[in-house]
Amino acid sequence: MREILDDIDRWRAAGKKVAVARVINVQGSGPRLPGSAMAVNEDGEVAGSVSGGCVEGAVVTEALDILETGARRRVTYGFSDDEAFAVGLTCGGTIHLFIEPLDW
């Protein structure tokens, strides 16, 4: 999380909306450990990583939707999920993320 704080501070100072995705659980083999985080601003700029690049594109889409709706949600990507495989999560495990908007 610390590696994304400078970007979050900069975006906040610019008045940007920001969503944060955090790895909350990993089953089997996963690319990043629980606690890994990624921030996305309303312009689609990204800081940090939740999967080392495997599912970041899908997470950006979820985060932008969350910034529009204000809804928090848990999302799961795993090897057996068609969407996860399509976006590149081929490590054989499952990652669970919680994505929420930051409220200044």
PDB file of N, CA and C in Angstrom:
ATOM      1  N   MET A   1       0.817  -1.189   0.000  1.00  0.00           N
ATOM      2  CA  MET A   1       0.000   0.000   0.000  1.00  0.00           C
ATOM      3  C   MET A   1       0.867   1.261   0.000  1.00  0.00           C
ATOM      4  N   ARG A   2       1.999   1.197   0.696  1.00  0.00           N
ATOM      5  CA  ARG A   2       2.834   2.400   0.801  1.00  0.00           C
ATOM      6  C   ARG A   2       3.301   2.926  -0.549  1.00  0.00           C
ATOM      7  N   GLU A   3       3.535   2.002  -1.503  1.00  0.00           N
ATOM      8  CA  GLU A   3       4.058   2.446  -2.796  1.00  0.00           C
ATOM      9  C   GLU A   3       3.056   3.255  -3.600  1.00  0.00           C
ATOM     10  N   ILE A   4       1.785   3.242  -3.223  1.00  0.00           N
ATOM     11  CA  ILE A   4       0.787   4.001  -3.983  1.00  0.00           C
ATOM     12  C   ILE A   4       0.370   5.299  -3.293  1.00  0.00           C
ATOM     13  N   LEU A   5       0.853   5.545  -2.075  1.00  0.00           N
ATOM     14  CA  LEU A   5       0.416   6.715  -1.316  1.00  0.00           C
ATOM     15  C   LEU A   5       0.777   8.039  -1.975  1.00  0.00           C
ATOM     16  N   ASP A   6       1.958   8.141  -2.559  1.00  0.00           N
ATOM     17  CA  ASP A   6       2.343   9.393  -3.221  1.00  0.00           C
ATOM     18  C   ASP A   6       1.399   9.717  -4.366  1.00  0.00           C
ATOM     19  N   ASP A   7       1.049   8.693  -5.156  1.00  0.00           N
ATOM     20  CA  ASP A   7       0.128   8.922  -6.266  1.00  0.00           C
ATOM     21  C   ASP A   7      -1.259   9.303  -5.752  1.00  0.00           C
ATOM     22  N   ILE A   8      -1.722   8.620  -4.719  1.00  0.00           N
ATOM     23  CA  ILE A   8      -3.032   8.949  -4.145  1.00  0.00           C
ATOM     24  C   ILE A   8      -3.039  10.386  -3.635  1.00  0.00           C
ATOM     25  N   ASP A   9      -1.985  10.795  -2.937  1.00  0.00           N
ATOM     26  CA  ASP A   9      -1.894  12.171  -2.440  1.00  0.00           C
ATOM     27  C   ASP A   9      -1.917  13.181  -3.584  1.00  0.00           C
ATOM     28  N   ARG A  10      -1.187  12.876  -4.651  1.00  0.00           N
ATOM     29  CA  ARG A  10      -1.150  13.782  -5.803  1.00  0.00           C
ATOM     30  C   ARG A  10      -2.527  13.886  -6.451  1.00  0.00           C
ATOM     31  N   TRP A  11      -3.190  12.734  -6.626  1.00  0.00           N
ATOM     32  CA  TRP A  11      -4.529  12.747  -7.233  1.00  0.00           C
ATOM     33  C   TRP A  11      -5.534  13.472  -6.347  1.00  0.00           C
ATOM     34  N   ARG A  12      -5.408  13.274  -5.041  1.00  0.00           N
ATOM     35  CA  ARG A  12      -6.313  13.944  -4.097  1.00  0.00           C
ATOM     36  C   ARG A  12      -6.124  15.456  -4.185  1.00  0.00           C
ATOM     37  N   ALA A  13      -4.876  15.900  -4.222  1.00  0.00           N
ATOM     38  CA  ALA A  13      -4.595  17.333  -4.324  1.00  0.00           C
ATOM     39  C   ALA A  13      -5.165  17.926  -5.610  1.00  0.00           C
ATOM     40  N   ALA A  14      -5.256  17.108  -6.652  1.00  0.00           N
ATOM     41  CA  ALA A  14      -5.809  17.560  -7.933  1.00  0.00           C
ATOM     42  C   ALA A  14      -7.335  17.414  -7.983  1.00  0.00           C
ATOM     43  N   GLY A  15      -7.932  16.912  -6.902  1.00  0.00           N
ATOM     44  CA  GLY A  15      -9.382  16.775  -6.846  1.00  0.00           C
ATOM     45  C   GLY A  15      -9.937  15.581  -7.598  1.00  0.00           C
ATOM     46  N   LYS A  16      -9.096  14.599  -7.860  1.00  0.00           N
ATOM     47  CA  LYS A  16      -9.519  13.406  -8.609  1.00  0.00           C
ATOM     48  C   LYS A  16     -10.230  12.408  -7.707  1.00  0.00           C
ATOM     49  N   LYS A  17     -11.215  11.706  -8.263  1.00  0.00           N
ATOM     50  CA  LYS A  17     -11.824  10.568  -7.583  1.00  0.00           C
ATOM     51  C   LYS A  17     -10.861   9.395  -7.713  1.00  0.00           C
ATOM     52  N   VAL A  18     -10.778   8.576  -6.642  1.00  0.00           N
ATOM     53  CA  VAL A  18      -9.840   7.454  -6.614  1.00  0.00           C
ATOM     54  C   VAL A  18     -10.523   6.231  -5.998  1.00  0.00           C
ATOM     55  N   ALA A  19     -10.281   5.076  -6.603  1.00  0.00           N
ATOM     56  CA  ALA A  19     -10.717   3.802  -6.030  1.00  0.00           C
ATOM     57  C   ALA A  19      -9.475   2.991  -5.708  1.00  0.00           C
ATOM     58  N   VAL A  20      -9.582   2.188  -4.645  1.00  0.00           N
ATOM     59  CA  VAL A  20      -8.464   1.325  -4.237  1.00  0.00           C
ATOM     60  C   VAL A  20      -8.932  -0.121  -4.251  1.00  0.00           C
ATOM     61  N   ALA A  21      -8.121  -0.973  -4.868  1.00  0.00           N
ATOM     62  CA  ALA A  21      -8.358  -2.421  -4.878  1.00  0.00           C
ATOM     63  C   ALA A  21      -7.292  -3.063  -4.011  1.00  0.00           C
ATOM     64  N   ARG A  22      -7.722  -3.971  -3.125  1.00  0.00           N
ATOM     65  CA  ARG A  22      -6.778  -4.670  -2.251  1.00  0.00           C
ATOM     66  C   ARG A  22      -6.971  -6.174  -2.373  1.00  0.00           C
ATOM     67  N   VAL A  23      -5.876  -6.900  -2.377  1.00  0.00           N
ATOM     68  CA  VAL A  23      -5.958  -8.360  -2.318  1.00  0.00           C
ATOM     69  C   VAL A  23      -6.346  -8.706  -0.884  1.00  0.00           C
ATOM     70  N   ILE A  24      -7.478  -9.421  -0.717  1.00  0.00           N
ATOM     71  CA  ILE A  24      -7.914  -9.786   0.631  1.00  0.00           C
ATOM     72  C   ILE A  24      -7.725 -11.266   0.915  1.00  0.00           C
ATOM     73  N   ASN A  25      -7.527 -12.074  -0.138  1.00  0.00           N
ATOM     74  CA  ASN A  25      -7.301 -13.502   0.069  1.00  0.00           C
ATOM     75  C   ASN A  25      -6.734 -14.100  -1.219  1.00  0.00           C
ATOM     76  N   VAL A  26      -5.930 -15.118  -1.063  1.00  0.00           N
ATOM     77  CA  VAL A  26      -5.386 -15.873  -2.193  1.00  0.00           C
ATOM     78  C   VAL A  26      -5.576 -17.346  -1.878  1.00  0.00           C
ATOM     79  N   GLN A  27      -6.120 -18.068  -2.834  1.00  0.00           N
ATOM     80  CA  GLN A  27      -6.240 -19.513  -2.692  1.00  0.00           C
ATOM     81  C   GLN A  27      -5.341 -20.162  -3.730  1.00  0.00           C
ATOM     82  N   GLY A  28      -4.514 -21.097  -3.304  1.00  0.00           N
ATOM     83  CA  GLY A  28      -3.572 -21.716  -4.224  1.00  0.00           C
ATOM     84  C   GLY A  28      -2.458 -20.748  -4.550  1.00  0.00           C
ATOM     85  N   SER A  29      -1.976 -20.836  -5.768  1.00  0.00           N
ATOM     86  CA  SER A  29      -0.885 -19.988  -6.217  1.00  0.00           C
ATOM     87  C   SER A  29      -1.438 -18.647  -6.688  1.00  0.00           C
ATOM     88  N   GLY A  30      -0.896 -17.571  -6.163  1.00  0.00           N
ATOM     89  CA  GLY A  30      -1.334 -16.236  -6.567  1.00  0.00           C
ATOM     90  C   GLY A  30      -0.155 -15.345  -6.849  1.00  0.00           C
ATOM     91  N   PRO A  31      -0.346 -14.376  -7.726  1.00  0.00           N
ATOM     92  CA  PRO A  31       0.768 -13.511  -8.110  1.00  0.00           C
ATOM     93  C   PRO A  31       1.188 -12.506  -7.042  1.00  0.00           C
ATOM     94  N   ARG A  32       0.243 -12.074  -6.180  1.00  0.00           N
ATOM     95  CA  ARG A  32       0.561 -11.101  -5.127  1.00  0.00           C
ATOM     96  C   ARG A  32      -0.098 -11.545  -3.832  1.00  0.00           C
ATOM     97  N   LEU A  33       0.460 -11.180  -2.708  1.00  0.00           N
ATOM     98  CA  LEU A  33      -0.036 -11.588  -1.396  1.00  0.00           C
ATOM     99  C   LEU A  33      -1.159 -10.672  -0.905  1.00  0.00           C
ATOM    100  N   PRO A  34      -1.970 -11.153   0.041  1.00  0.00           N
ATOM    101  CA  PRO A  34      -2.977 -10.281   0.653  1.00  0.00           C
ATOM    102  C   PRO A  34      -2.320  -9.011   1.186  1.00  0.00           C
ATOM    103  N   GLY A  35      -3.023  -7.920   1.006  1.00  0.00           N
ATOM    104  CA  GLY A  35      -2.497  -6.617   1.386  1.00  0.00           C
ATOM    105  C   GLY A  35      -1.973  -5.833   0.204  1.00  0.00           C
ATOM    106  N   SER A  36      -1.655  -6.516  -0.887  1.00  0.00           N
ATOM    107  CA  SER A  36      -1.211  -5.804  -2.095  1.00  0.00           C
ATOM    108  C   SER A  36      -2.333  -4.897  -2.560  1.00  0.00           C
ATOM    109  N   ALA A  37      -1.967  -3.727  -3.059  1.00  0.00           N
ATOM    110  CA  ALA A  37      -2.986  -2.745  -3.408  1.00  0.00           C
ATOM    111  C   ALA A  37      -2.684  -2.047  -4.728  1.00  0.00           C
ATOM    112  N   MET A  38      -3.753  -1.553  -5.299  1.00  0.00           N
ATOM    113  CA  MET A  38      -3.681  -0.819  -6.556  1.00  0.00           C
ATOM    114  C   MET A  38      -4.705   0.316  -6.475  1.00  0.00           C
ATOM    115  N   ALA A  39      -4.327   1.497  -6.906  1.00  0.00           N
ATOM    116  CA  ALA A  39      -5.240   2.635  -6.946  1.00  0.00           C
ATOM    117  C   ALA A  39      -5.496   3.012  -8.393  1.00  0.00           C
ATOM    118  N   VAL A  40      -6.717   3.456  -8.654  1.00  0.00           N
ATOM    119  CA  VAL A  40      -7.113   3.883  -9.992  1.00  0.00           C
ATOM    120  C   VAL A  40      -7.844   5.211  -9.842  1.00  0.00           C
ATOM    121  N   ASN A  41      -7.434   6.211 -10.635  1.00  0.00           N
ATOM    122  CA  ASN A  41      -8.176   7.469 -10.559  1.00  0.00           C
ATOM    123  C   ASN A  41      -9.215   7.533 -11.671  1.00  0.00           C
ATOM    124  N   GLU A  42     -10.045   8.555 -11.634  1.00  0.00           N
ATOM    125  CA  GLU A  42     -11.157   8.673 -12.568  1.00  0.00           C
ATOM    126  C   GLU A  42     -10.719   8.770 -14.028  1.00  0.00           C
ATOM    127  N   ASP A  43      -9.453   9.109 -14.264  1.00  0.00           N
ATOM    128  CA  ASP A  43      -8.929   9.176 -15.627  1.00  0.00           C
ATOM    129  C   ASP A  43      -8.349   7.844 -16.091  1.00  0.00           C
ATOM    130  N   GLY A  44      -8.390   6.823 -15.224  1.00  0.00           N
ATOM    131  CA  GLY A  44      -7.855   5.511 -15.570  1.00  0.00           C
ATOM    132  C   GLY A  44      -6.380   5.352 -15.288  1.00  0.00           C
ATOM    133  N   GLU A  45      -5.765   6.334 -14.618  1.00  0.00           N
ATOM    134  CA  GLU A  45      -4.362   6.195 -14.235  1.00  0.00           C
ATOM    135  C   GLU A  45      -4.264   5.184 -13.099  1.00  0.00           C
ATOM    136  N   VAL A  46      -3.185   4.397 -13.091  1.00  0.00           N
ATOM    137  CA  VAL A  46      -3.023   3.300 -12.141  1.00  0.00           C
ATOM    138  C   VAL A  46      -1.729   3.447 -11.366  1.00  0.00           C
ATOM    139  N   ALA A  47      -1.803   3.105 -10.078  1.00  0.00           N
ATOM    140  CA  ALA A  47      -0.616   3.024  -9.234  1.00  0.00           C
ATOM    141  C   ALA A  47      -0.691   1.702  -8.480  1.00  0.00           C
ATOM    142  N   GLY A  48       0.417   0.993  -8.371  1.00  0.00           N
ATOM    143  CA  GLY A  48       0.456  -0.267  -7.656  1.00  0.00           C
ATOM    144  C   GLY A  48       0.016  -1.436  -8.516  1.00  0.00           C
ATOM    145  N   SER A  49      -0.140  -2.591  -7.866  1.00  0.00           N
ATOM    146  CA  SER A  49      -0.480  -3.817  -8.581  1.00  0.00           C
ATOM    147  C   SER A  49      -1.141  -4.811  -7.635  1.00  0.00           C
ATOM    148  N   VAL A  50      -2.129  -5.533  -8.150  1.00  0.00           N
ATOM    149  CA  VAL A  50      -2.754  -6.596  -7.366  1.00  0.00           C
ATOM    150  C   VAL A  50      -2.454  -7.971  -7.938  1.00  0.00           C
ATOM    151  N   SER A  51      -1.874  -7.992  -9.145  1.00  0.00           N
ATOM    152  CA  SER A  51      -1.610  -9.305  -9.746  1.00  0.00           C
ATOM    153  C   SER A  51      -0.371  -9.333 -10.622  1.00  0.00           C
ATOM    154  N   GLY A  52       0.457  -8.343 -10.530  1.00  0.00           N
ATOM    155  CA  GLY A  52       1.650  -8.334 -11.360  1.00  0.00           C
ATOM    156  C   GLY A  52       1.348  -8.181 -12.842  1.00  0.00           C
ATOM    157  N   GLY A  53       0.146  -7.692 -13.160  1.00  0.00           N
ATOM    158  CA  GLY A  53      -0.232  -7.452 -14.554  1.00  0.00           C
ATOM    159  C   GLY A  53      -1.268  -8.403 -15.100  1.00  0.00           C
ATOM    160  N   CYS A  54      -1.534  -9.496 -14.406  1.00  0.00           N
ATOM    161  CA  CYS A  54      -2.452 -10.524 -14.922  1.00  0.00           C
ATOM    162  C   CYS A  54      -3.881 -10.027 -15.106  1.00  0.00           C
ATOM    163  N   VAL A  55      -4.427  -9.363 -14.093  1.00  0.00           N
ATOM    164  CA  VAL A  55      -5.838  -8.959 -14.153  1.00  0.00           C
ATOM    165  C   VAL A  55      -6.029  -7.457 -13.987  1.00  0.00           C
ATOM    166  N   GLU A  56      -4.964  -6.709 -14.067  1.00  0.00           N
ATOM    167  CA  GLU A  56      -5.063  -5.272 -13.833  1.00  0.00           C
ATOM    168  C   GLU A  56      -6.080  -4.587 -14.745  1.00  0.00           C
ATOM    169  N   GLY A  57      -6.143  -4.968 -16.009  1.00  0.00           N
ATOM    170  CA  GLY A  57      -7.101  -4.347 -16.926  1.00  0.00           C
ATOM    171  C   GLY A  57      -8.534  -4.536 -16.467  1.00  0.00           C
ATOM    172  N   ALA A  58      -8.855  -5.736 -16.007  1.00  0.00           N
ATOM    173  CA  ALA A  58     -10.207  -6.010 -15.509  1.00  0.00           C
ATOM    174  C   ALA A  58     -10.470  -5.236 -14.226  1.00  0.00           C
ATOM    175  N   VAL A  59      -9.459  -5.088 -13.382  1.00  0.00           N
ATOM    176  CA  VAL A  59      -9.617  -4.347 -12.131  1.00  0.00           C
ATOM    177  C   VAL A  59      -9.839  -2.869 -12.415  1.00  0.00           C
ATOM    178  N   VAL A  60      -9.156  -2.314 -13.401  1.00  0.00           N
ATOM    179  CA  VAL A  60      -9.372  -0.914 -13.777  1.00  0.00           C
ATOM    180  C   VAL A  60     -10.830  -0.716 -14.190  1.00  0.00           C
ATOM    181  N   THR A  61     -11.361  -1.633 -14.992  1.00  0.00           N
ATOM    182  CA  THR A  61     -12.760  -1.533 -15.419  1.00  0.00           C
ATOM    183  C   THR A  61     -13.689  -1.545 -14.211  1.00  0.00           C
ATOM    184  N   GLU A  62     -13.459  -2.457 -13.272  1.00  0.00           N
ATOM    185  CA  GLU A  62     -14.271  -2.525 -12.047  1.00  0.00           C
ATOM    186  C   GLU A  62     -14.146  -1.235 -11.243  1.00  0.00           C
ATOM    187  N   ALA A  63     -12.918  -0.737 -11.094  1.00  0.00           N
ATOM    188  CA  ALA A  63     -12.683   0.469 -10.297  1.00  0.00           C
ATOM    189  C   ALA A  63     -13.378   1.683 -10.903  1.00  0.00           C
ATOM    190  N   LEU A  64     -13.332   1.821 -12.215  1.00  0.00           N
ATOM    191  CA  LEU A  64     -13.999   2.955 -12.859  1.00  0.00           C
ATOM    192  C   LEU A  64     -15.510   2.878 -12.665  1.00  0.00           C
ATOM    193  N   ASP A  65     -16.068   1.667 -12.718  1.00  0.00           N
ATOM    194  CA  ASP A  65     -17.496   1.496 -12.470  1.00  0.00           C
ATOM    195  C   ASP A  65     -17.832   1.875 -11.023  1.00  0.00           C
ATOM    196  N   ILE A  66     -16.982   1.476 -10.104  1.00  0.00           N
ATOM    197  CA  ILE A  66     -17.188   1.800  -8.693  1.00  0.00           C
ATOM    198  C   ILE A  66     -17.129   3.303  -8.465  1.00  0.00           C
ATOM    199  N   LEU A  67     -16.244   3.994  -9.184  1.00  0.00           N
ATOM    200  CA  LEU A  67     -16.178   5.448  -9.048  1.00  0.00           C
ATOM    201  C   LEU A  67     -17.454   6.108  -9.549  1.00  0.00           C
ATOM    202  N   GLU A  68     -18.095   5.517 -10.538  1.00  0.00           N
ATOM    203  CA  GLU A  68     -19.369   6.059 -11.034  1.00  0.00           C
ATOM    204  C   GLU A  68     -20.522   5.762 -10.095  1.00  0.00           C
ATOM    205  N   THR A  69     -20.576   4.550  -9.569  1.00  0.00           N
ATOM    206  CA  THR A  69     -21.724   4.116  -8.767  1.00  0.00           C
ATOM    207  C   THR A  69     -21.553   4.373  -7.279  1.00  0.00           C
ATOM    208  N   GLY A  70     -20.318   4.430  -6.800  1.00  0.00           N
ATOM    209  CA  GLY A  70     -20.056   4.592  -5.386  1.00  0.00           C
ATOM    210  C   GLY A  70     -20.160   3.295  -4.600  1.00  0.00           C
ATOM    211  N   ALA A  71     -20.481   2.201  -5.291  1.00  0.00           N
ATOM    212  CA  ALA A  71     -20.660   0.905  -4.625  1.00  0.00           C
ATOM    213  C   ALA A  71     -19.316   0.226  -4.388  1.00  0.00           C
ATOM    214  N   ARG A  72     -19.174  -0.380  -3.238  1.00  0.00           N
ATOM    215  CA  ARG A  72     -17.990  -1.200  -2.940  1.00  0.00           C
ATOM    216  C   ARG A  72     -18.305  -2.617  -3.374  1.00  0.00           C
ATOM    217  N   ARG A  73     -17.270  -3.371  -3.723  1.00  0.00           N
ATOM    218  CA  ARG A  73     -17.555  -4.766  -4.065  1.00  0.00           C
ATOM    219  C   ARG A  73     -16.334  -5.647  -3.924  1.00  0.00           C
ATOM    220  N   ARG A  74     -16.640  -6.917  -3.728  1.00  0.00           N
ATOM    221  CA  ARG A  74     -15.619  -7.958  -3.714  1.00  0.00           C
ATOM    222  C   ARG A  74     -15.654  -8.632  -5.073  1.00  0.00           C
ATOM    223  N   VAL A  75     -14.482  -8.826  -5.658  1.00  0.00           N
ATOM    224  CA  VAL A  75     -14.384  -9.513  -6.943  1.00  0.00           C
ATOM    225  C   VAL A  75     -13.376 -10.649  -6.805  1.00  0.00           C
ATOM    226  N   THR A  76     -13.588 -11.677  -7.598  1.00  0.00           N
ATOM    227  CA  THR A  76     -12.735 -12.857  -7.548  1.00  0.00           C
ATOM    228  C   THR A  76     -12.278 -13.205  -8.953  1.00  0.00           C
ATOM    229  N   TYR A  77     -11.005 -13.515  -9.079  1.00  0.00           N
ATOM    230  CA  TYR A  77     -10.444 -13.994 -10.336  1.00  0.00           C
ATOM    231  C   TYR A  77      -9.709 -15.285 -10.049  1.00  0.00           C
ATOM    232  N   GLY A  78      -9.980 -16.306 -10.843  1.00  0.00           N
ATOM    233  CA  GLY A  78      -9.314 -17.578 -10.640  1.00  0.00           C
ATOM    234  C   GLY A  78      -9.074 -18.267 -11.962  1.00  0.00           C
ATOM    235  N   PHE A  79      -8.218 -19.258 -11.933  1.00  0.00           N
ATOM    236  CA  PHE A  79      -7.838 -19.973 -13.153  1.00  0.00           C
ATOM    237  C   PHE A  79      -9.036 -20.580 -13.853  1.00  0.00           C
ATOM    238  N   SER A  80     -10.033 -21.048 -13.091  1.00  0.00           N
ATOM    239  CA  SER A  80     -11.183 -21.701 -13.706  1.00  0.00           C
ATOM    240  C   SER A  80     -12.205 -20.707 -14.255  1.00  0.00           C
ATOM    241  N   ASP A  81     -12.060 -19.436 -13.907  1.00  0.00           N
ATOM    242  CA  ASP A  81     -12.985 -18.425 -14.411  1.00  0.00           C
ATOM    243  C   ASP A  81     -12.598 -18.029 -15.825  1.00  0.00           C
ATOM    244  N   ASP A  82     -13.561 -18.076 -16.732  1.00  0.00           N
ATOM    245  CA  ASP A  82     -13.285 -17.715 -18.125  1.00  0.00           C
ATOM    246  C   ASP A  82     -12.712 -16.313 -18.227  1.00  0.00           C
ATOM    247  N   GLU A  83     -13.286 -15.365 -17.472  1.00  0.00           N
ATOM    248  CA  GLU A  83     -12.816 -13.989 -17.547  1.00  0.00           C
ATOM    249  C   GLU A  83     -11.390 -13.880 -17.052  1.00  0.00           C
ATOM    250  N   ALA A  84     -11.080 -14.544 -15.958  1.00  0.00           N
ATOM    251  CA  ALA A  84      -9.729 -14.467 -15.411  1.00  0.00           C
ATOM    252  C   ALA A  84      -8.716 -15.053 -16.382  1.00  0.00           C
ATOM    253  N   PHE A  85      -9.066 -16.181 -16.992  1.00  0.00           N
ATOM    254  CA  PHE A  85      -8.154 -16.773 -17.960  1.00  0.00           C
ATOM    255  C   PHE A  85      -7.972 -15.837 -19.145  1.00  0.00           C
ATOM    256  N   ALA A  86      -9.078 -15.214 -19.586  1.00  0.00           N
ATOM    257  CA  ALA A  86      -9.016 -14.302 -20.728  1.00  0.00           C
ATOM    258  C   ALA A  86      -8.120 -13.106 -20.441  1.00  0.00           C
ATOM    259  N   VAL A  87      -8.104 -12.635 -19.182  1.00  0.00           N
ATOM    260  CA  VAL A  87      -7.266 -11.487 -18.859  1.00  0.00           C
ATOM    261  C   VAL A  87      -5.875 -11.889 -18.400  1.00  0.00           C
ATOM    262  N   GLY A  88      -5.593 -13.195 -18.320  1.00  0.00           N
ATOM    263  CA  GLY A  88      -4.225 -13.624 -18.103  1.00  0.00           C
ATOM    264  C   GLY A  88      -3.868 -14.241 -16.776  1.00  0.00           C
ATOM    265  N   LEU A  89      -4.833 -14.523 -15.889  1.00  0.00           N
ATOM    266  CA  LEU A  89      -4.499 -15.136 -14.607  1.00  0.00           C
ATOM    267  C   LEU A  89      -4.340 -16.633 -14.806  1.00  0.00           C
ATOM    268  N   THR A  90      -3.133 -17.042 -15.139  1.00  0.00           N
ATOM    269  CA  THR A  90      -2.873 -18.446 -15.470  1.00  0.00           C
ATOM    270  C   THR A  90      -2.009 -19.128 -14.419  1.00  0.00           C
ATOM    271  N   CYS A  91      -1.886 -18.531 -13.241  1.00  0.00           N
ATOM    272  CA  CYS A  91      -1.009 -19.091 -12.206  1.00  0.00           C
ATOM    273  C   CYS A  91      -1.636 -20.291 -11.508  1.00  0.00           C
ATOM    274  N   GLY A  92      -2.899 -20.549 -11.753  1.00  0.00           N
ATOM    275  CA  GLY A  92      -3.550 -21.712 -11.170  1.00  0.00           C
ATOM    276  C   GLY A  92      -4.282 -21.436  -9.877  1.00  0.00           C
ATOM    277  N   GLY A  93      -4.159 -20.249  -9.329  1.00  0.00           N
ATOM    278  CA  GLY A  93      -4.819 -19.924  -8.071  1.00  0.00           C
ATOM    279  C   GLY A  93      -6.022 -19.017  -8.270  1.00  0.00           C
ATOM    280  N   THR A  94      -6.541 -18.548  -7.149  1.00  0.00           N
ATOM    281  CA  THR A  94      -7.670 -17.629  -7.146  1.00  0.00           C
ATOM    282  C   THR A  94      -7.322 -16.455  -6.246  1.00  0.00           C
ATOM    283  N   ILE A  95      -7.604 -15.241  -6.723  1.00  0.00           N
ATOM    284  CA  ILE A  95      -7.388 -14.056  -5.893  1.00  0.00           C
ATOM    285  C   ILE A  95      -8.728 -13.379  -5.646  1.00  0.00           C
ATOM    286  N   HIS A  96      -8.890 -12.911  -4.413  1.00  0.00           N
ATOM    287  CA  HIS A  96     -10.091 -12.189  -4.009  1.00  0.00           C
ATOM    288  C   HIS A  96      -9.678 -10.754  -3.711  1.00  0.00           C
ATOM    289  N   LEU A  97     -10.398  -9.813  -4.299  1.00  0.00           N
ATOM    290  CA  LEU A  97     -10.094  -8.400  -4.131  1.00  0.00           C
ATOM    291  C   LEU A  97     -11.292  -7.683  -3.532  1.00  0.00           C
ATOM    292  N   PHE A  98     -11.020  -6.621  -2.792  1.00  0.00           N
ATOM    293  CA  PHE A  98     -12.068  -5.713  -2.355  1.00  0.00           C
ATOM    294  C   PHE A  98     -11.743  -4.365  -2.962  1.00  0.00           C
ATOM    295  N   ILE A  99     -12.718  -3.794  -3.674  1.00  0.00           N
ATOM    296  CA  ILE A  99     -12.499  -2.522  -4.365  1.00  0.00           C
ATOM    297  C   ILE A  99     -13.497  -1.515  -3.804  1.00  0.00           C
ATOM    298  N   GLU A 100     -12.976  -0.335  -3.450  1.00  0.00           N
ATOM    299  CA  GLU A 100     -13.838   0.700  -2.881  1.00  0.00           C
ATOM    300  C   GLU A 100     -13.355   2.076  -3.285  1.00  0.00           C
ATOM    301  N   PRO A 101     -14.281   3.027  -3.345  1.00  0.00           N
ATOM    302  CA  PRO A 101     -13.863   4.408  -3.604  1.00  0.00           C
ATOM    303  C   PRO A 101     -13.280   5.005  -2.350  1.00  0.00           C
ATOM    304  N   LEU A 102     -12.276   5.861  -2.497  1.00  0.00           N
ATOM    305  CA  LEU A 102     -11.756   6.602  -1.350  1.00  0.00           C
ATOM    306  C   LEU A 102     -12.677   7.791  -1.117  1.00  0.00           C
ATOM    307  N   ASP A 103     -12.995   8.028   0.118  1.00  0.00           N
ATOM    308  CA  ASP A 103     -13.857   9.150   0.478  1.00  0.00           C
ATOM    309  C   ASP A 103     -13.004  10.195   1.169  1.00  0.00           C
ATOM    310  N   TRP A 104     -12.782  11.299   0.501  1.00  0.00           N
ATOM    311  CA  TRP A 104     -11.938  12.344   1.075  1.00  0.00           C
ATOM    312  C   TRP A 104     -12.669  12.986   2.227  1.00  0.00           C
TER     313      TRP A 104
END
